[in-house]
N, C-alpha and C. Protein backbone atom coordinates (compact mmCIF):
# COMPACT_ATOMS: atom_id res chain seq x y z
N MET A 1 -22.76 0.39 43.81
CA MET A 1 -21.60 1.11 43.32
C MET A 1 -22.10 2.34 42.55
N ASN A 2 -21.48 3.48 42.79
CA ASN A 2 -21.99 4.68 42.13
C ASN A 2 -21.46 4.84 40.71
N ARG A 3 -22.07 5.74 39.97
CA ARG A 3 -21.75 5.96 38.56
C ARG A 3 -20.29 6.37 38.38
N LYS A 4 -19.77 7.21 39.29
CA LYS A 4 -18.39 7.68 39.18
C LYS A 4 -17.43 6.49 39.19
N CYS A 5 -17.72 5.51 40.02
CA CYS A 5 -16.86 4.33 40.13
C CYS A 5 -16.82 3.58 38.80
N PHE A 6 -17.98 3.42 38.15
CA PHE A 6 -18.00 2.76 36.84
C PHE A 6 -17.19 3.54 35.83
N CYS A 7 -17.26 4.86 35.87
CA CYS A 7 -16.48 5.69 34.95
C CYS A 7 -14.98 5.46 35.16
N CYS A 8 -14.58 5.27 36.40
CA CYS A 8 -13.17 5.00 36.69
C CYS A 8 -12.71 3.76 35.94
N PHE A 9 -13.49 2.70 36.02
CA PHE A 9 -13.08 1.45 35.40
C PHE A 9 -13.16 1.52 33.88
N ASN A 10 -14.05 2.34 33.35
CA ASN A 10 -14.11 2.49 31.90
C ASN A 10 -12.87 3.16 31.35
N ASN A 11 -12.19 3.97 32.16
CA ASN A 11 -11.01 4.71 31.72
C ASN A 11 -9.69 4.03 32.10
N MET A 12 -9.73 2.80 32.57
CA MET A 12 -8.53 2.16 33.10
C MET A 12 -7.41 1.97 32.09
N ASN A 13 -7.71 1.87 30.83
CA ASN A 13 -6.67 1.58 29.85
C ASN A 13 -5.75 2.76 29.59
N SER A 14 -6.10 3.94 30.04
CA SER A 14 -5.27 5.12 29.80
C SER A 14 -4.43 5.41 31.04
N ASN A 15 -3.10 5.34 30.90
CA ASN A 15 -2.21 5.63 32.02
C ASN A 15 -2.28 7.09 32.45
N ASP A 16 -2.72 7.98 31.55
CA ASP A 16 -2.79 9.40 31.86
C ASP A 16 -3.82 9.68 32.95
N ASN A 17 -4.77 8.81 33.11
CA ASN A 17 -5.87 9.05 34.05
C ASN A 17 -5.63 8.45 35.43
N ASN A 18 -4.46 7.84 35.68
CA ASN A 18 -4.26 7.12 36.94
C ASN A 18 -4.46 8.00 38.17
N SER A 19 -3.92 9.22 38.19
CA SER A 19 -4.08 10.05 39.39
C SER A 19 -5.52 10.50 39.54
N GLU A 20 -6.20 10.78 38.43
CA GLU A 20 -7.61 11.17 38.50
C GLU A 20 -8.46 9.98 38.95
N LEU A 21 -8.14 8.80 38.44
CA LEU A 21 -8.85 7.59 38.85
C LEU A 21 -8.70 7.36 40.34
N LEU A 22 -7.47 7.52 40.82
CA LEU A 22 -7.23 7.31 42.24
C LEU A 22 -8.01 8.32 43.07
N ARG A 23 -8.00 9.57 42.65
CA ARG A 23 -8.74 10.60 43.37
C ARG A 23 -10.24 10.26 43.43
N ASP A 24 -10.79 9.83 42.29
CA ASP A 24 -12.20 9.44 42.24
C ASP A 24 -12.47 8.24 43.14
N TRP A 25 -11.57 7.27 43.11
CA TRP A 25 -11.74 6.06 43.92
C TRP A 25 -11.68 6.40 45.41
N ILE A 26 -10.71 7.21 45.81
CA ILE A 26 -10.58 7.58 47.22
C ILE A 26 -11.83 8.34 47.68
N GLU A 27 -12.31 9.25 46.84
CA GLU A 27 -13.52 10.00 47.18
C GLU A 27 -14.71 9.05 47.32
N PHE A 28 -14.83 8.11 46.40
CA PHE A 28 -15.92 7.13 46.45
C PHE A 28 -15.83 6.29 47.73
N ARG A 29 -14.63 5.79 48.06
CA ARG A 29 -14.46 4.96 49.24
C ARG A 29 -14.71 5.76 50.52
N PHE A 30 -14.26 7.01 50.54
CA PHE A 30 -14.47 7.84 51.72
C PHE A 30 -15.96 8.03 51.97
N GLU A 31 -16.72 8.29 50.92
CA GLU A 31 -18.16 8.46 51.07
C GLU A 31 -18.80 7.18 51.60
N LYS A 32 -18.39 6.03 51.07
CA LYS A 32 -18.95 4.75 51.52
C LYS A 32 -18.55 4.46 52.97
N LEU A 33 -17.28 4.67 53.30
CA LEU A 33 -16.81 4.37 54.66
C LEU A 33 -17.43 5.31 55.68
N GLU A 34 -17.53 6.58 55.32
CA GLU A 34 -18.06 7.57 56.25
C GLU A 34 -19.52 7.28 56.61
N SER A 35 -20.27 6.73 55.68
CA SER A 35 -21.68 6.49 55.93
C SER A 35 -21.95 5.11 56.53
N ASN A 36 -20.94 4.27 56.64
CA ASN A 36 -21.14 2.90 57.12
C ASN A 36 -20.26 2.56 58.32
N LEU A 37 -20.04 3.50 59.22
CA LEU A 37 -19.18 3.24 60.37
C LEU A 37 -19.86 2.27 61.34
N THR A 38 -19.12 1.26 61.73
CA THR A 38 -19.63 0.30 62.72
C THR A 38 -19.26 0.79 64.12
N ASP A 39 -19.78 0.11 65.12
CA ASP A 39 -19.41 0.44 66.50
C ASP A 39 -17.92 0.24 66.71
N GLU A 40 -17.36 -0.79 66.09
CA GLU A 40 -15.92 -1.04 66.19
C GLU A 40 -15.12 0.10 65.57
N ASP A 41 -15.57 0.59 64.42
CA ASP A 41 -14.92 1.72 63.77
C ASP A 41 -14.94 2.95 64.69
N LYS A 42 -16.07 3.18 65.30
CA LYS A 42 -16.22 4.35 66.17
C LYS A 42 -15.34 4.23 67.41
N LYS A 43 -15.11 3.00 67.89
CA LYS A 43 -14.21 2.80 69.04
C LYS A 43 -12.79 3.22 68.73
N HIS A 44 -12.40 3.13 67.47
CA HIS A 44 -11.02 3.43 67.08
C HIS A 44 -10.86 4.84 66.49
N ALA A 45 -11.85 5.66 66.68
CA ALA A 45 -11.75 7.04 66.19
C ALA A 45 -10.78 7.82 67.07
N LEU A 46 -10.12 8.77 66.48
CA LEU A 46 -9.20 9.63 67.21
C LEU A 46 -10.01 10.76 67.85
N ASN A 47 -10.06 10.79 69.16
CA ASN A 47 -10.82 11.80 69.88
C ASN A 47 -9.92 12.98 70.22
N TYR A 48 -9.46 13.65 69.21
CA TYR A 48 -8.52 14.74 69.37
C TYR A 48 -9.07 15.84 70.28
N ASP A 49 -10.33 16.19 70.10
CA ASP A 49 -10.92 17.29 70.89
C ASP A 49 -10.88 17.00 72.39
N THR A 50 -11.06 15.74 72.75
CA THR A 50 -11.00 15.36 74.17
C THR A 50 -9.60 15.61 74.72
N PHE A 51 -8.57 15.19 73.98
CA PHE A 51 -7.19 15.42 74.41
C PHE A 51 -6.86 16.92 74.45
N TYR A 52 -7.34 17.62 73.46
CA TYR A 52 -7.14 19.06 73.36
C TYR A 52 -7.67 19.76 74.62
N GLU A 53 -8.89 19.43 74.99
CA GLU A 53 -9.51 20.04 76.18
C GLU A 53 -8.77 19.65 77.46
N LYS A 54 -8.37 18.38 77.57
CA LYS A 54 -7.65 17.94 78.76
C LYS A 54 -6.33 18.68 78.92
N ILE A 55 -5.63 18.85 77.82
CA ILE A 55 -4.35 19.56 77.87
C ILE A 55 -4.57 21.02 78.25
N LEU A 56 -5.54 21.66 77.62
CA LEU A 56 -5.78 23.07 77.93
C LEU A 56 -6.29 23.29 79.36
N ASP A 57 -6.94 22.29 79.91
CA ASP A 57 -7.43 22.40 81.30
C ASP A 57 -6.29 22.49 82.31
N ILE A 58 -5.15 21.89 82.01
CA ILE A 58 -4.05 21.91 82.99
C ILE A 58 -3.01 22.99 82.69
N ILE A 59 -3.20 23.71 81.60
CA ILE A 59 -2.27 24.78 81.22
C ILE A 59 -2.71 26.08 81.89
N PRO A 60 -1.77 26.82 82.44
CA PRO A 60 -2.13 28.13 83.01
C PRO A 60 -2.76 29.03 81.94
N ASP A 61 -3.69 29.87 82.36
CA ASP A 61 -4.41 30.75 81.43
C ASP A 61 -3.48 31.59 80.57
N LYS A 62 -2.39 32.05 81.15
CA LYS A 62 -1.48 32.91 80.40
C LYS A 62 -0.83 32.18 79.22
N ASP A 63 -0.74 30.86 79.30
CA ASP A 63 -0.11 30.07 78.23
C ASP A 63 -1.13 29.36 77.33
N SER A 64 -2.40 29.46 77.65
CA SER A 64 -3.39 28.66 76.93
C SER A 64 -3.50 29.02 75.45
N ASP A 65 -3.38 30.30 75.10
CA ASP A 65 -3.45 30.67 73.68
C ASP A 65 -2.27 30.09 72.90
N TYR A 66 -1.10 30.16 73.49
CA TYR A 66 0.10 29.62 72.85
C TYR A 66 -0.03 28.11 72.66
N VAL A 67 -0.43 27.41 73.70
CA VAL A 67 -0.57 25.95 73.62
C VAL A 67 -1.68 25.57 72.65
N SER A 68 -2.75 26.33 72.65
CA SER A 68 -3.85 26.09 71.72
C SER A 68 -3.37 26.20 70.27
N ASP A 69 -2.56 27.21 69.99
CA ASP A 69 -2.02 27.37 68.63
C ASP A 69 -1.12 26.19 68.26
N ILE A 70 -0.31 25.75 69.19
CA ILE A 70 0.56 24.60 68.93
C ILE A 70 -0.26 23.34 68.68
N LEU A 71 -1.30 23.14 69.48
CA LEU A 71 -2.16 21.97 69.30
C LEU A 71 -2.90 22.02 67.96
N ASP A 72 -3.32 23.21 67.56
CA ASP A 72 -3.97 23.35 66.25
C ASP A 72 -2.99 23.01 65.12
N ASP A 73 -1.76 23.48 65.26
CA ASP A 73 -0.72 23.15 64.26
C ASP A 73 -0.46 21.65 64.24
N PHE A 74 -0.41 21.05 65.42
CA PHE A 74 -0.18 19.62 65.51
C PHE A 74 -1.32 18.84 64.84
N ARG A 75 -2.56 19.26 65.08
CA ARG A 75 -3.71 18.61 64.45
C ARG A 75 -3.58 18.66 62.93
N GLU A 76 -3.24 19.84 62.41
CA GLU A 76 -3.09 20.01 60.97
C GLU A 76 -1.98 19.11 60.42
N GLU A 77 -0.85 19.06 61.11
CA GLU A 77 0.26 18.20 60.68
C GLU A 77 -0.12 16.73 60.74
N LEU A 78 -0.82 16.34 61.78
CA LEU A 78 -1.26 14.94 61.92
C LEU A 78 -2.19 14.55 60.79
N LEU A 79 -3.15 15.41 60.48
CA LEU A 79 -4.08 15.12 59.39
C LEU A 79 -3.35 15.05 58.05
N ASN A 80 -2.45 15.99 57.81
CA ASN A 80 -1.69 15.97 56.56
C ASN A 80 -0.85 14.71 56.45
N HIS A 81 -0.25 14.31 57.55
CA HIS A 81 0.55 13.09 57.59
C HIS A 81 -0.32 11.87 57.23
N CYS A 82 -1.46 11.76 57.88
CA CYS A 82 -2.35 10.62 57.64
C CYS A 82 -2.85 10.60 56.19
N VAL A 83 -3.26 11.74 55.68
CA VAL A 83 -3.76 11.81 54.31
C VAL A 83 -2.66 11.42 53.33
N TYR A 84 -1.47 11.97 53.51
CA TYR A 84 -0.35 11.67 52.61
C TYR A 84 -0.06 10.17 52.56
N TRP A 85 0.12 9.55 53.74
CA TRP A 85 0.51 8.14 53.76
C TRP A 85 -0.63 7.23 53.34
N ASN A 86 -1.87 7.58 53.67
CA ASN A 86 -3.00 6.77 53.21
C ASN A 86 -3.13 6.83 51.69
N GLU A 87 -3.01 8.04 51.13
CA GLU A 87 -3.10 8.15 49.67
C GLU A 87 -1.94 7.42 48.99
N LYS A 88 -0.75 7.52 49.56
CA LYS A 88 0.40 6.82 48.97
C LYS A 88 0.19 5.30 49.02
N TYR A 89 -0.29 4.81 50.15
CA TYR A 89 -0.56 3.38 50.30
C TYR A 89 -1.63 2.92 49.33
N TYR A 90 -2.74 3.66 49.26
CA TYR A 90 -3.82 3.26 48.37
C TYR A 90 -3.46 3.47 46.90
N ARG A 91 -2.64 4.48 46.60
CA ARG A 91 -2.21 4.69 45.22
C ARG A 91 -1.42 3.48 44.73
N ALA A 92 -0.53 2.98 45.57
CA ALA A 92 0.26 1.81 45.19
C ALA A 92 -0.64 0.60 44.97
N GLY A 93 -1.55 0.35 45.87
CA GLY A 93 -2.46 -0.79 45.73
C GLY A 93 -3.39 -0.63 44.55
N PHE A 94 -3.88 0.58 44.36
CA PHE A 94 -4.78 0.85 43.25
C PHE A 94 -4.09 0.64 41.91
N CYS A 95 -2.88 1.19 41.79
CA CYS A 95 -2.12 1.03 40.55
C CYS A 95 -1.79 -0.44 40.29
N ASP A 96 -1.44 -1.16 41.33
CA ASP A 96 -1.17 -2.60 41.18
C ASP A 96 -2.42 -3.33 40.70
N SER A 97 -3.55 -2.98 41.26
CA SER A 97 -4.81 -3.63 40.86
C SER A 97 -5.15 -3.34 39.41
N ILE A 98 -4.96 -2.08 39.00
CA ILE A 98 -5.24 -1.73 37.61
C ILE A 98 -4.32 -2.50 36.67
N LYS A 99 -3.05 -2.63 37.04
CA LYS A 99 -2.11 -3.36 36.19
C LYS A 99 -2.52 -4.84 36.08
N ILE A 100 -2.92 -5.43 37.18
CA ILE A 100 -3.35 -6.84 37.16
C ILE A 100 -4.57 -7.01 36.26
N ILE A 101 -5.54 -6.12 36.42
CA ILE A 101 -6.75 -6.20 35.59
C ILE A 101 -6.39 -5.99 34.12
N HIS A 102 -5.56 -5.02 33.86
CA HIS A 102 -5.16 -4.70 32.48
C HIS A 102 -4.45 -5.89 31.83
N VAL A 103 -3.52 -6.49 32.56
CA VAL A 103 -2.79 -7.65 32.03
C VAL A 103 -3.75 -8.80 31.75
N ASN A 104 -4.70 -9.03 32.64
CA ASN A 104 -5.65 -10.11 32.45
C ASN A 104 -6.63 -9.83 31.32
N MET A 105 -6.93 -8.56 31.07
CA MET A 105 -7.84 -8.22 29.98
C MET A 105 -7.16 -8.41 28.63
N GLU A 106 -5.84 -8.29 28.59
CA GLU A 106 -5.08 -8.45 27.33
C GLU A 106 -4.97 -9.91 26.92
N LYS A 107 -5.12 -10.82 27.87
CA LYS A 107 -4.96 -12.26 27.57
C LYS A 107 -6.10 -12.78 26.76
């Protein structure tokens, strides 16, 4: 576990730090997950570039720039959607975990 993660838990008693704690935790988990991908994880990766190329291959040249721009916008929207909902999901779980730990530390 890295030093930043320990700092997160040292600051748990302050509600003011919840969003910063979550940001630190997500960054920590992303670094760990990114460096430890299994073959199963890689099988479930989104191969957007492959789909992008396949779509552009069947589009007439005159429309390829337009479709490429739309696909780029779609990629950006998809990533924003995933980031938003993942952070919202993990924020809820993270906050619940902090509350459980905090309640148990008070006993």
